[in-house]
């Protein structure tokens, strides 16, 4: 009698099924661990990126302020134009408003006047008497002693310091009376006085034609 084969029992198949489930579980755990690692890495990168701080409400935007510049002026101090035209002593200066020629310059302690009381220099100073000839070229009448001459005149000494003008021109002999008018084309003597420090000497007159309102155009009339 031949032997019959005995079929496999369920108990013999269970070890293979257990290994399969263990392998699948291991793969699932690996996938979960990988997902957690990726989430942690993404969270760390987001934390490193700091958001920009929003501007405070109501605050004005910051702008660069312009640097102030010192203003320029030609009406005070030494001549501003180092290359100003120079006119020698006894040579005429001509502009749209006037023609002026300086004939002589004298330094003295006092200047005689038409009313008998001399102009006297203050202590530590001298008086400078400038004798000139003035011709009115302007269509306006000029007042050489007490009004508008059409010229803006400043005197400077050898130290480039400004001399002080003595505004009593009408008292100096040879000048027109106060408020007397010099008409267009007329010529008259114009003798003007300045005060200078005793240690310095007169050097120049700086003249601007005030009728043109161009105070940048200066002319230097030499006094020696």
Protein backbone atom coordinates (compact mmCIF):
# COMPACT_ATOMS: atom_id res chain seq x y z
CA UNK A 1 0.00 0.00 0.00
CA UNK A 2 1.38 3.30 -1.10
CA UNK A 3 1.83 6.17 1.35
CA UNK A 4 -0.43 9.17 0.98
CA UNK A 5 1.14 12.68 1.27
CA UNK A 6 -0.06 14.72 4.19
CA UNK A 7 -1.20 18.33 3.36
CA UNK A 8 0.46 21.37 5.07
CA UNK A 9 -1.19 22.57 8.15
CA UNK A 10 -1.91 26.22 8.93
CA UNK A 11 0.54 26.08 11.75
CA UNK A 12 3.41 25.57 9.21
CA UNK A 13 2.46 28.76 7.20
CA UNK A 14 2.31 31.17 10.19
CA UNK A 15 6.07 31.90 10.48
CA UNK A 16 6.24 33.29 6.91
CA UNK A 17 3.25 35.55 7.43
CA UNK A 18 4.78 36.93 10.64
CA UNK A 19 8.00 37.88 8.87
CA UNK A 20 6.01 39.72 6.21
CA UNK A 21 4.11 41.75 8.78
CA UNK A 22 7.32 42.59 10.64
CA UNK A 23 8.92 43.85 7.39
CA UNK A 24 5.90 45.98 6.54
CA UNK A 25 5.82 47.43 10.03
CA UNK A 26 9.51 48.33 9.84
CA UNK A 27 8.99 50.12 6.54
CA UNK A 28 6.04 52.05 7.95
CA UNK A 29 8.06 53.14 10.98
CA UNK A 30 10.92 54.26 8.71
CA UNK A 31 8.52 56.33 6.60
CA UNK A 32 7.05 57.94 9.72
CA UNK A 33 10.52 58.76 11.07
CA UNK A 34 11.53 60.28 7.72
CA UNK A 35 8.37 62.42 7.67
CA UNK A 36 9.03 63.67 11.21
CA UNK A 37 12.63 64.57 10.28
CA UNK A 38 11.50 66.50 7.21
CA UNK A 39 8.88 68.40 9.23
CA UNK A 40 11.47 69.29 11.91
CA UNK A 41 13.93 70.51 9.26
CA UNK A 42 11.27 72.68 7.61
CA UNK A 43 10.24 74.16 10.97
CA UNK A 44 13.84 75.02 11.83
CA UNK A 45 14.38 76.80 8.51
CA UNK A 46 11.23 78.86 8.98
CA UNK A 47 12.32 79.85 12.49
CA UNK A 48 15.69 81.11 11.18
CA UNK A 49 14.00 83.55 8.80
CA UNK A 50 13.11 86.54 11.01
CA UNK A 51 10.29 88.67 9.66
CA UNK A 52 11.10 92.31 8.98
CA UNK A 53 9.94 94.69 11.66
CA UNK A 54 6.97 96.74 10.45
CA UNK A 55 7.34 100.52 10.48
CA UNK A 56 5.71 102.23 13.41
CA UNK A 57 2.39 103.79 12.53
CA UNK A 58 2.43 107.53 12.16
CA UNK A 59 6.25 107.81 11.81
CA UNK A 60 7.55 109.80 8.84
CA UNK A 61 9.94 108.11 6.41
CA UNK A 62 13.60 108.88 7.03
CA UNK A 63 15.11 111.18 4.40
CA UNK A 64 18.58 112.66 4.13
CA UNK A 65 18.54 116.29 5.14
CA UNK A 66 20.35 118.70 2.81
CA UNK A 67 23.47 120.27 4.22
CA UNK A 68 23.11 123.97 4.72
CA UNK A 69 25.50 126.12 2.80
CA UNK A 70 26.97 129.22 4.04
CA UNK A 71 25.49 132.17 2.21
CA UNK A 72 27.77 134.40 0.04
CA UNK A 73 27.68 138.16 0.25
CA UNK A 74 29.46 140.93 -1.62
CA UNK A 75 28.20 143.76 0.53
CA UNK A 76 30.50 143.29 3.52
CA UNK A 77 34.13 142.49 4.20
CA UNK A 78 36.99 142.32 1.75
CA UNK A 79 36.38 142.27 -2.02
CA UNK A 80 34.78 138.93 -2.92
CA UNK A 81 36.07 138.80 -6.49
CA UNK A 82 39.82 138.20 -6.45
CA UNK A 83 39.95 138.83 -10.21
CA UNK A 84 38.06 142.14 -10.06
CA UNK A 85 39.10 144.72 -12.65
CA UNK A 86 41.68 147.20 -11.38
CA UNK A 87 41.84 150.87 -12.34
CA UNK A 88 45.09 152.76 -11.65
CA UNK A 89 45.12 156.03 -9.74
CA UNK A 90 44.11 159.03 -11.91
CA UNK A 91 42.52 156.74 -14.53
CA UNK A 92 38.75 156.87 -15.15
CA UNK A 93 36.29 154.21 -14.01
CA UNK A 94 33.22 154.10 -16.27
CA UNK A 95 29.89 152.35 -15.77
CA UNK A 96 26.30 152.77 -16.91
CA UNK A 97 25.60 155.13 -14.00
CA UNK A 98 28.74 157.22 -13.66
CA UNK A 99 32.32 157.98 -14.56
CA UNK A 100 34.72 158.41 -11.64
CA UNK A 101 38.38 159.42 -11.59
CA UNK A 102 40.44 159.55 -8.39
CA UNK A 103 42.79 162.51 -8.60
CA UNK A 104 44.60 162.41 -5.25
CA UNK A 105 44.66 160.72 -1.82
CA UNK A 106 45.71 162.43 1.45
CA UNK A 107 46.07 160.98 4.95
CA UNK A 108 45.64 163.54 7.75
CA UNK A 109 44.61 164.08 11.36
CA UNK A 110 41.76 166.45 10.49
CA UNK A 111 39.85 167.79 7.49
CA UNK A 112 38.73 171.41 7.28
CA UNK A 113 35.04 172.00 6.62
CA UNK A 114 32.86 174.75 5.17
CA UNK A 115 31.25 175.44 8.55
CA UNK A 116 34.50 176.05 10.43
CA UNK A 117 34.50 172.96 12.72
CA UNK A 118 36.98 170.43 11.32
CA UNK A 119 36.46 166.69 11.04
CA UNK A 120 38.89 165.15 13.55
CA UNK A 121 40.24 161.61 13.53
CA UNK A 122 39.41 159.39 16.49
CA UNK A 123 42.30 158.14 18.68
CA UNK A 124 44.26 155.38 16.92
CA UNK A 125 42.93 156.38 13.48
CA UNK A 126 43.67 158.72 10.59
CA UNK A 127 41.38 160.45 8.11
CA UNK A 128 41.73 159.72 4.39
CA UNK A 129 40.57 162.43 1.98
CA UNK A 130 40.00 161.18 -1.56
CA UNK A 131 39.59 163.90 -4.19
CA UNK A 132 37.75 162.68 -7.28
CA UNK A 133 35.86 163.88 -10.35
CA UNK A 134 32.35 162.50 -10.87
CA UNK A 135 30.29 162.54 -14.08
CA UNK A 136 26.65 161.43 -13.98
CA UNK A 137 25.95 158.92 -16.79
CA UNK A 138 22.59 157.79 -15.43
CA UNK A 139 19.22 159.11 -16.67
CA UNK A 140 18.50 159.83 -12.99
CA UNK A 141 19.79 162.91 -11.17
CA UNK A 142 22.59 162.15 -8.70
CA UNK A 143 22.94 163.55 -5.18
CA UNK A 144 26.67 163.42 -4.41
CA UNK A 145 26.47 164.66 -0.81
CA UNK A 146 23.28 163.27 0.76
CA UNK A 147 21.62 160.82 -1.62
CA UNK A 148 21.98 158.27 -4.41
CA UNK A 149 25.04 158.54 -6.63
CA UNK A 150 24.35 155.37 -8.65
CA UNK A 151 27.53 153.81 -7.21
CA UNK A 152 28.12 151.60 -4.18
CA UNK A 153 31.59 152.45 -2.85
CA UNK A 154 33.67 150.76 -0.15
CA UNK A 155 37.22 151.60 0.94
CA UNK A 156 39.89 149.08 1.96
CA UNK A 157 43.28 149.53 3.59
CA UNK A 158 46.66 147.82 3.12
CA UNK A 159 45.55 145.01 5.46
CA UNK A 160 42.41 144.34 3.36
CA UNK A 161 40.28 145.68 6.23
CA UNK A 162 37.32 147.86 5.34
CA UNK A 163 37.70 151.55 6.07
CA UNK A 164 34.82 153.51 7.59
CA UNK A 165 33.28 156.20 5.41
CA UNK A 166 32.68 159.60 7.00
CA UNK A 167 29.14 160.57 5.99
CA UNK A 168 29.57 164.34 6.21
CA UNK A 169 30.46 164.89 2.60
CA UNK A 170 28.44 168.12 2.31
CA UNK A 171 30.78 169.74 4.90
CA UNK A 172 33.96 169.07 2.90
CA UNK A 173 35.05 172.01 0.71
CA UNK A 174 34.48 171.59 -3.04
CA UNK A 175 31.44 169.32 -2.70
CA UNK A 176 27.87 170.04 -3.71
CA UNK A 177 25.40 171.07 -1.03
CA UNK A 178 23.14 168.48 0.55
CA UNK A 179 20.20 167.54 -1.73
CA UNK A 180 21.70 169.41 -4.69
CA UNK A 181 21.23 167.42 -7.91
CA UNK A 182 23.77 166.57 -10.59
CA UNK A 183 21.93 166.09 -13.89
CA UNK A 184 22.71 163.57 -16.60
CA UNK A 185 26.00 164.41 -18.34
CA UNK A 186 27.09 166.95 -15.70
CA UNK A 187 30.48 166.73 -13.93
CA UNK A 188 31.46 167.85 -10.44
CA UNK A 189 34.18 167.41 -7.83
CA UNK A 190 33.48 164.63 -5.35
CA UNK A 191 35.67 164.67 -2.25
CA UNK A 192 34.94 161.80 0.13
CA UNK A 193 36.50 160.90 3.49
CA UNK A 194 37.25 157.62 5.25
CA UNK A 195 38.66 156.60 8.62
CA UNK A 196 41.57 154.13 8.68
CA UNK A 197 43.59 152.55 11.46
CA UNK A 198 46.74 154.54 12.15
CA UNK A 199 49.04 151.56 11.44
CA UNK A 200 47.48 150.93 8.00
CA UNK A 201 47.40 152.90 4.77
CA UNK A 202 44.56 153.34 2.23
CA UNK A 203 44.79 150.84 -0.62
CA UNK A 204 41.69 150.82 -2.82
CA UNK A 205 38.07 151.68 -3.41
CA UNK A 206 35.81 148.81 -4.52
CA UNK A 207 33.03 150.18 -6.71
CA UNK A 208 29.80 148.56 -7.90
CA UNK A 209 27.26 150.15 -10.22
CA UNK A 210 24.18 149.94 -7.98
CA UNK A 211 21.96 151.03 -10.85
CA UNK A 212 22.44 147.65 -12.55
CA UNK A 213 21.83 145.62 -9.35
CA UNK A 214 24.80 143.43 -10.29
CA UNK A 215 26.74 143.34 -7.04
CA UNK A 216 29.00 140.56 -8.35
CA UNK A 217 30.62 142.95 -10.85
CA UNK A 218 33.21 144.80 -8.76
CA UNK A 219 35.93 147.20 -9.88
CA UNK A 220 38.92 148.08 -7.73
CA UNK A 221 40.16 151.66 -7.94
CA UNK A 222 43.74 151.78 -6.68
CA UNK A 223 44.65 154.58 -4.24
CA UNK A 224 48.42 154.46 -4.73
